[in-house]
Amino acid sequence: MSSVVDHLKPYPPKDVSATLVERARRLVPVLQEREAAADAARQVPVETIQDFADAGFFRILQPKRHGGYELPLSVYCDVARTLAEGCMSSAWVYGVIAVHNWQLALFDDRAAQDVWGENSDVRISSSYMPVGKVTPVEGGYRLSGRWAFSSGSAHCDWVILGAVVPGAGPDAPREPRNFLVPRSDYALVDVWDVMGLRATGSNDVVVDDAFVPDYRTIREDDMFALECPGHAVNRGSLYRMPFAQIFNRTVSTTSLGALRRAATTFVGAMREKRATYTGERLARDTTIQHVVAEVERTLDEMTLVLDRDVAELGARAASGEWPMLRRAELGFSTTATVSRCVAEIDKLMTFSGGKAIYRGNPIQRAFLDIHCARAHVANNPYPYGRNLGAMYFGFDADCADI
């Protein structure tokens, strides 16, 4: 990795933010070279994960007290967006693994000690689907179940899983929680064979009656209310942001990088390409010119909005002011991103011609990857849009995902 990045000390220099983004930029051609093999293997290569670790990417949101850099959210998003220009699957895996180092800071610090006490490089995957069976017992819970879509799970030694704790009685409220489970207590099932984001290795996780101590769980209501056990020791404003505002950007930002690569590839291919029957340069086709203009302007707009929103999240975390309407607006802003990327990549695919249907074509790959990203529940804009629209009419907020 020394040919791509230099070594980072445990605590980085003042210009570390720019250094990390530059390292991501230098990895783009490396990821492009590995993309076909990663796609075929349905896994991000071990070498890529090691490159990310050596570059310091997984430490961006990790608490300083556990060997991380605790940098602004903007650095995390910039790295994800840049890596996606090389390989969206690899960038996706970076994003979801790195965000768990942020979430672990919200847990009781004993959980972080369990994970990072001996090695601050230990990685965590997740599946937040609330499908687990939970039985309260003394000191914690017994957890069983099967969870899907755990991206990058083969490269991780812990997993965060969603489940609902049953109420004490028939009318008692049920309590959604996240459960932190070590690799010794779960199995991975290789089921990931999909049309896009193939290299994310988002396989199933199976847990069979594992004991999870109470301190290795966190209430979703506490993450929403910004009243988490980890705040007792992780006092930086980085950890005073709503979970959904962070995680939803994890699964939307990479589509911007993939669309940027596709747009650049499209323009490069069309510069000298000629129509089959007329011989005219396609670059002179006014429809294609208009499509390129639309895609470029949409990319510019979405990038500006992402940068603005991320800056605002940081400012609100520092001030502690989180009006519910603005949370809903910021939530809809990110969940609508991938749908807009779908519309733009569809235009590029439509005008890419017959060669784009061959496997391995970079525009086709972006087309498939972005469409798969849209299938993620956090990238479905309709519930968020309905909620925000209802709030504009004066109705109460549905607070589940903002």
Protein backbone atom coordinates (compact mmCIF):
# COMPACT_ATOMS: atom_id res chain seq x y z
CA MET A 1 0.00 0.00 0.00
CA SER A 2 2.98 2.30 0.35
CA SER A 3 2.76 3.03 -3.38
CA VAL A 4 -0.72 4.49 -2.91
CA VAL A 5 -0.76 6.01 0.56
CA ASP A 6 1.78 6.80 3.19
CA HIS A 7 1.42 5.72 6.79
CA LEU A 8 -0.80 7.67 9.18
CA LYS A 9 0.14 7.98 12.82
CA PRO A 10 -2.60 7.14 15.34
CA TYR A 11 -3.42 10.85 15.64
CA PRO A 12 -3.28 12.69 12.34
CA PRO A 13 -1.73 16.02 11.33
CA LYS A 14 -3.79 19.18 10.95
CA ASP A 15 -4.25 18.67 7.22
CA VAL A 16 -5.52 15.12 7.65
CA SER A 17 -8.91 15.85 6.06
CA ALA A 18 -7.35 16.87 2.75
CA THR A 19 -4.84 14.02 3.04
CA LEU A 20 -7.59 11.42 3.41
CA VAL A 21 -9.58 12.71 0.44
CA GLU A 22 -6.41 12.78 -1.66
CA ARG A 23 -5.69 9.17 -0.68
CA ALA A 24 -9.19 8.24 -1.82
CA ARG A 25 -8.55 10.01 -5.12
CA ARG A 26 -5.30 8.10 -5.63
CA LEU A 27 -7.12 4.81 -4.98
CA VAL A 28 -9.73 5.41 -7.71
CA PRO A 29 -7.73 3.79 -10.56
CA VAL A 30 -6.74 0.92 -8.25
CA LEU A 31 -10.39 0.23 -7.47
CA GLN A 32 -11.30 0.41 -11.15
CA GLU A 33 -8.66 -2.21 -11.93
CA ARG A 34 -10.03 -4.51 -9.23
CA GLU A 35 -13.70 -3.92 -9.99
CA ALA A 36 -14.32 -6.79 -12.40
CA ALA A 37 -12.68 -9.36 -10.11
CA ALA A 38 -14.58 -8.00 -7.11
CA ASP A 39 -17.82 -8.20 -9.05
CA ALA A 40 -17.13 -11.81 -10.02
CA ALA A 41 -16.17 -12.79 -6.47
CA ARG A 42 -19.20 -10.98 -4.99
CA GLN A 43 -16.83 -9.55 -2.36
CA VAL A 44 -14.60 -6.53 -2.00
CA PRO A 45 -11.05 -7.93 -2.10
CA VAL A 46 -9.12 -8.31 1.13
CA GLU A 47 -6.45 -6.10 -0.44
CA THR A 48 -8.95 -3.26 -0.82
CA ILE A 49 -10.11 -3.51 2.78
CA GLN A 50 -6.47 -3.43 3.87
CA ASP A 51 -5.84 -0.41 1.66
CA PHE A 52 -8.77 1.38 3.30
CA ALA A 53 -7.46 0.47 6.76
CA ASP A 54 -3.91 1.57 5.91
CA ALA A 55 -5.25 4.85 4.52
CA GLY A 56 -7.09 5.53 7.79
CA PHE A 57 -10.56 5.61 6.24
CA PHE A 58 -12.27 3.46 8.88
CA ARG A 59 -10.97 5.77 11.63
CA ILE A 60 -12.56 8.94 10.24
CA LEU A 61 -15.64 8.83 12.52
CA GLN A 62 -14.09 6.64 15.23
CA PRO A 63 -13.66 8.29 18.67
CA LYS A 64 -10.20 9.60 19.49
CA ARG A 65 -10.31 7.79 22.80
CA HIS A 66 -10.39 4.54 20.84
CA GLY A 67 -7.71 5.37 18.29
CA GLY A 68 -9.87 7.22 15.78
CA TYR A 69 -9.59 10.63 14.16
CA GLU A 70 -13.09 11.93 15.10
CA LEU A 71 -13.20 14.10 11.99
CA PRO A 72 -16.15 16.06 10.58
CA LEU A 73 -18.88 14.18 8.75
CA SER A 74 -17.91 16.03 5.56
CA VAL A 75 -14.60 14.12 5.37
CA TYR A 76 -16.40 10.79 5.63
CA CYS A 77 -18.83 11.76 2.85
CA ASP A 78 -16.08 13.16 0.61
CA VAL A 79 -14.10 9.93 0.89
CA ALA A 80 -17.17 7.78 0.12
CA ARG A 81 -18.14 9.89 -2.88
CA THR A 82 -14.59 9.81 -4.24
CA LEU A 83 -14.07 6.05 -3.77
CA ALA A 84 -17.33 5.41 -5.64
CA GLU A 85 -15.73 6.87 -8.76
CA GLY A 86 -13.50 3.82 -8.65
CA CYS A 87 -15.91 1.11 -7.49
CA MET A 88 -19.31 1.81 -5.95
CA SER A 89 -19.40 -1.55 -4.16
CA SER A 90 -16.06 -0.86 -2.48
CA ALA A 91 -17.18 2.63 -1.51
CA TRP A 92 -20.45 1.25 -0.15
CA VAL A 93 -18.58 -1.23 2.05
CA TYR A 94 -16.26 1.52 3.28
CA GLY A 95 -19.25 3.68 4.16
CA VAL A 96 -21.26 1.12 6.08
CA ILE A 97 -18.29 -0.25 8.01
CA ALA A 98 -16.94 3.19 8.88
CA VAL A 99 -20.33 4.47 10.07
CA HIS A 100 -20.50 1.68 12.65
CA ASN A 101 -17.40 3.14 14.30
CA TRP A 102 -19.49 6.28 14.75
CA GLN A 103 -22.49 4.38 16.08
CA LEU A 104 -20.43 2.35 18.53
CA ALA A 105 -19.54 5.65 20.21
CA LEU A 106 -23.23 5.93 21.14
CA PHE A 107 -23.25 2.61 23.03
CA ASP A 108 -22.16 2.23 26.65
CA ASP A 109 -18.36 2.55 26.54
CA ARG A 110 -18.01 -1.00 27.82
CA ALA A 111 -19.20 -2.14 24.39
CA ALA A 112 -16.43 -0.15 22.70
CA GLN A 113 -13.93 -1.66 25.12
CA ASP A 114 -15.12 -5.13 24.10
CA VAL A 115 -14.59 -4.33 20.42
CA TRP A 116 -11.49 -2.13 20.47
CA GLY A 117 -9.88 -2.90 23.81
CA GLU A 118 -7.06 -4.90 22.25
CA ASN A 119 -7.16 -3.75 18.62
CA SER A 120 -8.62 -0.44 17.44
CA ASP A 121 -8.71 -1.75 13.85
CA VAL A 122 -11.53 -4.24 14.57
CA ARG A 123 -14.45 -3.72 12.16
CA ILE A 124 -18.24 -4.02 12.55
CA SER A 125 -20.97 -4.84 10.02
CA SER A 126 -24.73 -4.55 10.51
CA SER A 127 -28.27 -5.44 9.57
CA TYR A 128 -30.86 -3.23 11.20
CA MET A 129 -33.88 -5.21 10.05
CA PRO A 130 -35.96 -5.72 13.24
CA VAL A 131 -36.39 -9.45 12.67
CA GLY A 132 -34.63 -10.97 15.66
CA LYS A 133 -36.35 -12.88 18.46
CA VAL A 134 -35.47 -11.37 21.84
CA THR A 135 -35.92 -12.89 25.28
CA PRO A 136 -35.04 -10.69 28.29
CA VAL A 137 -32.89 -12.52 30.85
CA GLU A 138 -30.86 -11.44 33.86
CA GLY A 139 -28.15 -9.02 32.77
CA GLY A 140 -29.25 -8.81 29.15
CA TYR A 141 -31.04 -10.71 26.41
CA ARG A 142 -31.06 -13.98 24.45
CA LEU A 143 -31.07 -13.20 20.74
CA SER A 144 -31.89 -15.44 17.78
CA GLY A 145 -32.75 -14.86 14.15
CA ARG A 146 -31.61 -14.42 10.58
CA TRP A 147 -30.82 -11.03 9.12
CA ALA A 148 -30.19 -10.13 5.46
CA PHE A 149 -28.08 -7.47 3.71
CA SER A 150 -25.03 -7.31 5.99
CA SER A 151 -22.62 -5.48 3.67
CA GLY A 152 -18.92 -6.19 4.13
CA SER A 153 -19.69 -8.78 6.80
CA ALA A 154 -16.90 -11.14 5.70
CA HIS A 155 -14.37 -8.45 6.65
CA CYS A 156 -15.78 -7.82 10.13
CA ASP A 157 -15.53 -9.42 13.57
CA TRP A 158 -18.68 -7.92 15.10
CA VAL A 159 -22.18 -7.12 13.87
CA ILE A 160 -24.92 -4.71 14.97
CA LEU A 161 -28.38 -6.29 14.57
CA GLY A 162 -31.88 -4.91 14.86
CA ALA A 163 -34.58 -6.51 17.00
CA VAL A 164 -37.54 -5.54 19.14
CA VAL A 165 -37.66 -6.27 22.87
CA PRO A 166 -41.15 -7.49 23.79
CA GLY A 167 -43.16 -5.59 26.37
CA ALA A 168 -43.57 -6.92 29.89
CA GLY A 169 -47.28 -7.43 29.34
CA PRO A 170 -49.76 -7.73 26.46
CA ASP A 171 -50.37 -3.99 26.40
CA ALA A 172 -46.82 -2.89 27.20
CA PRO A 173 -44.96 -1.07 24.41
CA ARG A 174 -42.35 -2.98 22.44
CA GLU A 175 -38.86 -1.48 22.36
CA PRO A 176 -36.69 -1.44 19.21
CA ARG A 177 -33.00 -1.91 20.01
CA ASN A 178 -29.71 -2.57 18.26
CA PHE A 179 -27.67 -5.53 19.51
CA LEU A 180 -23.88 -5.79 19.25
CA VAL A 181 -22.77 -9.39 18.69
CA PRO A 182 -19.23 -10.88 18.34
CA ARG A 183 -18.20 -13.11 15.44
CA SER A 184 -18.11 -16.16 17.70
CA ASP A 185 -21.89 -15.85 18.19
CA TYR A 186 -23.07 -15.67 14.59
CA ALA A 187 -22.65 -17.41 11.24
CA LEU A 188 -22.61 -15.92 7.74
CA VAL A 189 -24.66 -17.51 4.97
CA ASP A 190 -23.51 -16.85 1.39
CA VAL A 191 -26.66 -15.79 -0.46
CA TRP A 192 -25.48 -12.60 -2.18
CA ASP A 193 -26.02 -13.05 -5.92
CA VAL A 194 -27.63 -9.88 -7.24
CA MET A 195 -27.65 -7.62 -10.29
CA GLY A 196 -25.78 -4.65 -8.83
CA LEU A 197 -23.57 -3.76 -5.88
CA ARG A 198 -22.41 -7.33 -6.35
CA ALA A 199 -19.09 -6.91 -4.57
CA THR A 200 -20.62 -5.68 -1.32
CA GLY A 201 -20.91 -9.26 -0.06
CA SER A 202 -24.13 -8.35 1.73
CA ASN A 203 -24.78 -11.83 3.04
CA ASP A 204 -27.11 -13.14 5.74
CA VAL A 205 -26.26 -13.26 9.44
CA VAL A 206 -27.62 -16.09 11.62
CA VAL A 207 -27.66 -15.99 15.43
CA ASP A 208 -28.78 -18.99 17.47
CA ASP A 209 -29.69 -18.11 21.06
CA ALA A 210 -26.73 -15.85 21.85
CA PHE A 211 -26.50 -13.93 25.11
CA VAL A 212 -26.10 -10.18 24.63
CA PRO A 213 -25.38 -8.17 27.79
CA ASP A 214 -27.56 -5.12 28.27
CA TYR A 215 -24.64 -2.73 27.82
CA ARG A 216 -24.08 -4.11 24.33
CA THR A 217 -27.52 -2.91 23.25
CA ILE A 218 -28.82 0.55 22.50
CA ARG A 219 -32.40 1.81 22.34
CA GLU A 220 -33.40 3.33 19.00
CA ASP A 221 -35.43 5.91 20.93
CA ASP A 222 -32.25 7.05 22.69
CA MET A 223 -30.47 7.52 19.36
CA PHE A 224 -33.45 9.53 18.10
CA ALA A 225 -33.58 11.68 21.24
CA LEU A 226 -29.78 12.15 21.25
CA GLU A 227 -29.59 10.73 24.79
CA CYS A 228 -27.17 7.84 24.39
CA PRO A 229 -25.06 6.04 27.02
CA GLY A 230 -21.87 6.75 25.07
CA HIS A 231 -22.33 10.49 25.42
CA ALA A 232 -20.95 10.17 28.95
CA VAL A 233 -17.46 9.68 27.52
CA ASN A 234 -17.71 10.70 23.86
CA ARG A 235 -18.53 14.36 24.33
CA GLY A 236 -17.67 15.69 20.87
CA SER A 237 -20.48 17.21 18.84
CA LEU A 238 -19.86 14.59 16.12
CA TYR A 239 -21.81 12.12 18.28
CA ARG A 240 -24.75 14.49 18.83
CA MET A 241 -26.41 13.83 15.48
CA PRO A 242 -29.52 11.71 14.83
CA PHE A 243 -28.64 8.21 13.69
CA ALA A 244 -30.89 8.29 10.61
CA GLN A 245 -29.33 11.53 9.40
CA ILE A 246 -25.91 9.87 9.38
CA PHE A 247 -26.73 6.35 8.24
CA ASN A 248 -29.06 7.40 5.42
CA ARG A 249 -26.24 9.47 3.92
CA THR A 250 -24.05 6.38 4.15
CA VAL A 251 -26.23 4.59 1.61
CA SER A 252 -26.97 7.58 -0.64
CA THR A 253 -23.65 9.40 -1.05
CA THR A 254 -21.90 6.69 -3.07
CA SER A 255 -24.47 7.02 -5.87
CA LEU A 256 -23.16 10.52 -6.53
CA GLY A 257 -19.65 9.18 -7.11
CA ALA A 258 -20.88 6.39 -9.36
CA LEU A 259 -22.96 8.85 -11.40
CA ARG A 260 -19.98 11.19 -11.71
CA ARG A 261 -17.85 8.36 -13.13
CA ALA A 262 -20.62 7.38 -15.54
CA ALA A 263 -21.04 10.95 -16.77
CA THR A 264 -17.31 11.35 -17.34
CA THR A 265 -17.15 8.00 -19.14
CA PHE A 266 -20.16 8.89 -21.30
CA VAL A 267 -18.69 12.21 -22.46
CA GLY A 268 -15.34 10.58 -23.19
CA ALA A 269 -16.98 7.84 -25.24
CA MET A 270 -19.16 10.24 -27.23
CA ARG A 271 -16.44 12.71 -28.20
CA GLU A 272 -15.40 10.80 -31.34
CA LYS A 273 -18.10 8.12 -31.57
CA ARG A 274 -20.14 8.22 -34.81
CA ALA A 275 -23.66 7.14 -35.61
CA THR A 276 -23.77 3.72 -37.28
CA TYR A 277 -25.74 4.69 -40.38
CA THR A 278 -25.07 8.40 -40.90
CA GLY A 279 -21.50 8.60 -39.72
CA GLU A 280 -22.28 11.82 -37.85
CA ARG A 281 -20.39 12.52 -34.63
CA LEU A 282 -22.73 11.78 -31.71
CA ALA A 283 -21.19 14.68 -29.82
CA ARG A 284 -23.08 16.93 -32.27
CA ASP A 285 -26.42 15.28 -31.47
CA THR A 286 -28.42 18.00 -29.69
CA THR A 287 -30.40 15.45 -27.66
CA ILE A 288 -27.18 13.91 -26.30
CA GLN A 289 -25.81 17.37 -25.61
CA HIS A 290 -28.94 18.20 -23.64
CA VAL A 291 -28.75 14.94 -21.67
CA VAL A 292 -25.15 15.64 -20.68
CA ALA A 293 -26.10 19.15 -19.59
CA GLU A 294 -28.96 17.81 -17.46
CA VAL A 295 -26.82 15.16 -15.80
CA GLU A 296 -24.00 17.59 -15.06
CA ARG A 297 -26.34 20.23 -13.60
CA THR A 298 -28.12 17.63 -11.46
CA LEU A 299 -24.79 16.35 -10.16
CA ASP A 300 -23.72 19.88 -9.35
CA GLU A 301 -26.97 20.60 -7.51
CA MET A 302 -26.96 17.37 -5.50
CA THR A 303 -23.31 17.83 -4.52
CA LEU A 304 -23.98 21.38 -3.35
CA VAL A 305 -27.01 20.25 -1.33
CA LEU A 306 -25.10 17.36 0.25
CA ASP A 307 -22.25 19.67 1.25
CA ARG A 308 -24.70 22.24 2.62
CA ASP A 309 -26.70 19.66 4.56
CA VAL A 310 -23.62 18.01 6.05
CA ALA A 311 -22.31 21.40 7.18
CA GLU A 312 -25.68 22.15 8.77
CA LEU A 313 -25.73 18.81 10.58
CA GLY A 314 -22.37 19.67 12.10
CA ALA A 315 -23.54 23.12 13.14
CA ARG A 316 -26.75 21.78 14.70
CA ALA A 317 -24.81 19.10 16.56
CA ALA A 318 -22.63 21.84 18.05
CA SER A 319 -25.60 24.04 18.98
CA GLY A 320 -27.96 21.26 20.06
CA GLU A 321 -30.84 22.79 18.09
CA TRP A 322 -32.80 20.17 16.18
CA PRO A 323 -36.26 21.47 15.19
CA MET A 324 -38.38 18.57 14.01
CA LEU A 325 -39.43 20.17 10.73
CA ARG A 326 -35.81 20.80 9.75
CA ARG A 327 -34.89 17.23 10.68
CA ALA A 328 -37.63 16.03 8.34
CA GLU A 329 -36.38 18.31 5.55
CA LEU A 330 -32.81 17.10 5.97
CA GLY A 331 -34.03 13.49 6.04
CA PHE A 332 -36.02 13.84 2.83
CA SER A 333 -33.07 15.61 1.20
CA THR A 334 -30.81 12.58 1.52
CA THR A 335 -33.39 9.87 0.84
CA ALA A 336 -34.37 11.57 -2.42
CA THR A 337 -30.76 11.60 -3.67
CA VAL A 338 -30.60 8.10 -5.11
CA SER A 339 -33.92 8.41 -6.93
CA ARG A 340 -32.54 11.47 -8.68
CA CYS A 341 -29.36 9.55 -9.52
CA VAL A 342 -31.54 6.78 -10.98
CA ALA A 343 -33.23 9.27 -13.30
CA GLU A 344 -29.88 10.60 -14.52
CA ILE A 345 -28.12 7.26 -14.98
CA ASP A 346 -31.16 6.05 -16.94
CA LYS A 347 -30.59 8.90 -19.42
CA LEU A 348 -26.94 7.97 -19.87
CA MET A 349 -27.77 4.28 -20.28
CA THR A 350 -30.48 5.09 -22.85
CA PHE A 351 -28.04 6.93 -25.10
CA SER A 352 -25.00 4.69 -24.58
CA GLY A 353 -25.86 2.38 -27.46
CA GLY A 354 -25.69 -1.37 -27.90
CA LYS A 355 -22.20 -1.81 -26.46
CA ALA A 356 -23.46 -0.71 -23.06
CA ILE A 357 -25.37 -3.97 -22.62
CA TYR A 358 -22.13 -5.97 -22.41
CA ARG A 359 -21.17 -6.98 -18.89
CA GLY A 360 -18.37 -4.82 -17.52
CA ASN A 361 -19.36 -1.64 -19.31
CA PRO A 362 -18.82 1.10 -16.68
CA ILE A 363 -22.05 2.92 -17.49
CA GLN A 364 -24.02 -0.32 -17.25
CA ARG A 365 -22.34 -1.10 -13.94
CA ALA A 366 -23.25 2.32 -12.56
CA PHE A 367 -26.78 1.79 -13.86
CA LEU A 368 -27.11 -1.51 -11.98
CA ASP A 369 -25.35 -0.31 -8.83
CA ILE A 370 -27.42 2.87 -8.50
CA HIS A 371 -30.68 1.00 -9.12
CA CYS A 372 -29.69 -1.49 -6.39
CA ALA A 373 -28.91 1.36 -4.02
CA ARG A 374 -32.42 2.69 -4.64
CA ALA A 375 -33.79 -0.64 -3.37
CA HIS A 376 -32.40 0.07 0.11
CA VAL A 377 -35.20 1.01 2.49
CA ALA A 378 -33.34 4.17 3.55
CA ASN A 379 -33.32 5.35 -0.08
CA ASN A 380 -37.10 5.11 -0.50
CA PRO A 381 -38.14 8.78 -0.58
CA TYR A 382 -41.88 8.26 -0.39
CA PRO A 383 -42.35 7.74 3.37
CA TYR A 384 -40.01 10.67 4.07
CA GLY A 385 -41.74 12.87 1.51
CA ARG A 386 -45.21 12.05 2.82
CA ASN A 387 -44.07 12.76 6.37
CA LEU A 388 -42.55 16.10 5.41
CA GLY A 389 -45.54 17.10 3.32
CA ALA A 390 -47.88 16.26 6.20
CA MET A 391 -45.79 18.43 8.52
CA TYR A 392 -46.11 21.36 6.11
CA PHE A 393 -49.89 20.98 6.53
CA GLY A 394 -49.55 21.07 10.31
CA PHE A 395 -49.83 17.36 11.07
CA ASP A 396 -47.60 15.69 13.68
CA ALA A 397 -44.29 14.24 12.57
CA ASP A 398 -43.68 10.54 12.13
CA CYS A 399 -40.40 10.51 14.00
CA ALA A 400 -39.21 7.01 13.19
CA ASP A 401 -36.57 7.91 10.61
CA ILE A 402 -35.53 11.52 11.16
